[in-house]
Protein backbone atom coordinates (compact mmCIF):
# COMPACT_ATOMS: atom_id res chain seq x y z
CA MET A 1 42.59 -6.02 3.20
CA THR A 2 42.54 -8.14 6.33
CA VAL A 3 42.73 -6.82 9.83
CA GLY A 4 44.98 -8.76 12.19
CA TYR A 5 43.69 -9.97 15.49
CA CYS A 6 45.86 -10.19 18.58
CA THR A 7 45.13 -12.91 21.09
CA PRO A 8 44.59 -11.35 24.52
CA LEU A 9 47.39 -11.88 27.01
CA SER A 10 44.92 -12.10 29.86
CA ARG A 11 41.55 -13.75 30.27
CA GLU A 12 40.07 -10.58 31.72
CA PRO A 13 41.15 -7.16 32.97
CA ILE A 14 42.10 -6.89 36.63
CA THR A 15 39.77 -5.21 39.08
CA THR A 16 40.42 -1.92 40.85
CA THR A 17 41.32 -3.76 44.06
CA GLN A 18 43.67 -6.11 42.21
CA ALA A 19 45.33 -3.11 40.52
CA GLU A 20 45.83 -1.37 43.88
CA VAL A 21 47.42 -4.47 45.45
CA ALA A 22 49.62 -5.12 42.41
CA SER A 23 50.72 -1.49 42.20
CA ARG A 24 51.82 -1.53 45.87
CA MET A 25 53.92 -4.63 45.25
CA LEU A 26 55.37 -3.35 41.99
CA LYS A 27 56.14 0.05 43.53
CA ALA A 28 58.09 -1.70 46.30
CA LEU A 29 60.02 -3.71 43.71
CA ALA A 30 60.77 -0.64 41.58
CA ASP A 31 63.88 0.14 43.65
CA PRO A 32 67.11 -1.70 42.65
CA VAL A 33 68.08 -2.42 46.28
CA ARG A 34 64.66 -3.86 47.11
CA LEU A 35 64.61 -5.86 43.89
CA ARG A 36 67.98 -7.40 44.81
CA LEU A 37 66.83 -8.08 48.37
CA MET A 38 63.70 -9.79 47.05
CA SER A 39 65.82 -11.87 44.70
CA MET A 40 68.05 -12.90 47.60
CA VAL A 41 65.06 -13.88 49.73
CA LEU A 42 63.54 -15.88 46.86
CA SER A 43 66.78 -17.69 46.08
CA HIS A 44 67.73 -18.52 49.67
CA GLU A 45 68.69 -22.16 50.20
CA GLY A 46 65.73 -24.51 50.18
CA GLY A 47 63.22 -21.66 50.17
CA GLU A 48 63.80 -21.26 53.89
CA ALA A 49 63.57 -17.92 55.68
CA CYS A 50 66.85 -16.04 55.72
CA ALA A 51 68.29 -13.96 58.52
CA MET A 52 68.95 -10.27 58.11
CA CYS A 53 72.69 -10.98 58.40
CA ASP A 54 72.44 -13.18 55.28
CA LEU A 55 71.01 -10.27 53.32
CA THR A 56 73.69 -7.69 54.14
CA GLU A 57 76.41 -9.33 52.04
CA GLY A 58 77.05 -7.56 48.75
CA PHE A 59 75.53 -4.25 49.80
CA ASP A 60 77.52 -1.16 50.66
CA LEU A 61 74.67 0.11 52.82
CA ALA A 62 74.08 0.43 56.54
CA VAL A 63 72.07 -2.35 58.17
CA SER A 64 69.48 0.26 59.15
CA THR A 65 69.05 1.21 55.47
CA LEU A 66 68.60 -2.42 54.45
CA SER A 67 66.14 -2.88 57.30
CA HIS A 68 64.15 0.09 55.98
CA HIS A 69 64.03 -1.47 52.49
CA LEU A 70 62.89 -4.81 53.96
CA LYS A 71 60.15 -3.00 55.89
CA ILE A 72 58.88 -1.56 52.60
CA LEU A 73 58.83 -5.06 51.08
CA HIS A 74 56.99 -6.31 54.17
CA ASP A 75 54.47 -3.46 54.14
CA ALA A 76 53.78 -4.17 50.45
CA GLY A 77 52.93 -7.76 51.37
CA LEU A 78 55.88 -9.30 49.54
CA VAL A 79 57.74 -10.79 52.51
CA GLU A 80 56.84 -12.03 55.94
CA ARG A 81 59.18 -11.58 58.86
CA ASP A 82 59.73 -13.62 61.96
CA LYS A 83 61.72 -12.39 64.94
CA ARG A 84 63.67 -15.16 66.66
CA GLY A 85 65.61 -13.81 69.60
CA VAL A 86 67.80 -10.99 68.30
CA TRP A 87 67.54 -12.10 64.65
CA VAL A 88 64.84 -11.21 62.14
CA TYR A 89 64.16 -13.75 59.38
CA TYR A 90 62.52 -12.95 56.06
CA LYS A 91 60.64 -15.20 53.66
CA ALA A 92 58.69 -14.47 50.48
CA ARG A 93 54.93 -14.62 50.87
CA PRO A 94 53.74 -17.40 48.55
CA GLU A 95 50.41 -15.63 47.95
CA ALA A 96 52.18 -12.50 46.75
CA MET A 97 54.48 -14.47 44.45
CA ASP A 98 51.48 -16.35 43.02
CA ALA A 99 49.63 -13.08 42.47
CA LEU A 100 52.55 -11.50 40.62
CA ARG A 101 53.14 -14.65 38.58
CA THR A 102 49.49 -14.73 37.57
CA LEU A 103 49.42 -11.01 36.82
CA PHE A 104 52.23 -11.45 34.32
CA SER A 105 50.95 -14.69 32.82
CA ALA A 106 47.38 -15.50 31.87
CA GLY A 107 45.07 -13.67 34.23
CA PRO A 108 44.45 -12.02 37.59
CA SER A 109 44.47 -13.65 41.02
CA ILE A 110 45.41 -10.77 43.29
């Protein structure tokens, strides 16, 4: 009888700090509204920052509610925001996207 061997999906387990950072990001993304908002930010034309008004389309929610969800994404380190006059622009943080990509591929980098 032979025992099968599974190739590890990761080079090494993540550290406690990496797990805490990743869990904050994943917790923020665990809400359908925030997941859609993140998708909209990531898919914005040319990877440029998008204004809050660009993110309200397709949601039947108050702007204040969407703003609250974006604050959660910001606090989790997933997006950066830039206030320009009366508009707030959001852009995905490349470091966070790299960390999540690495977490779900071959090893930790958070």
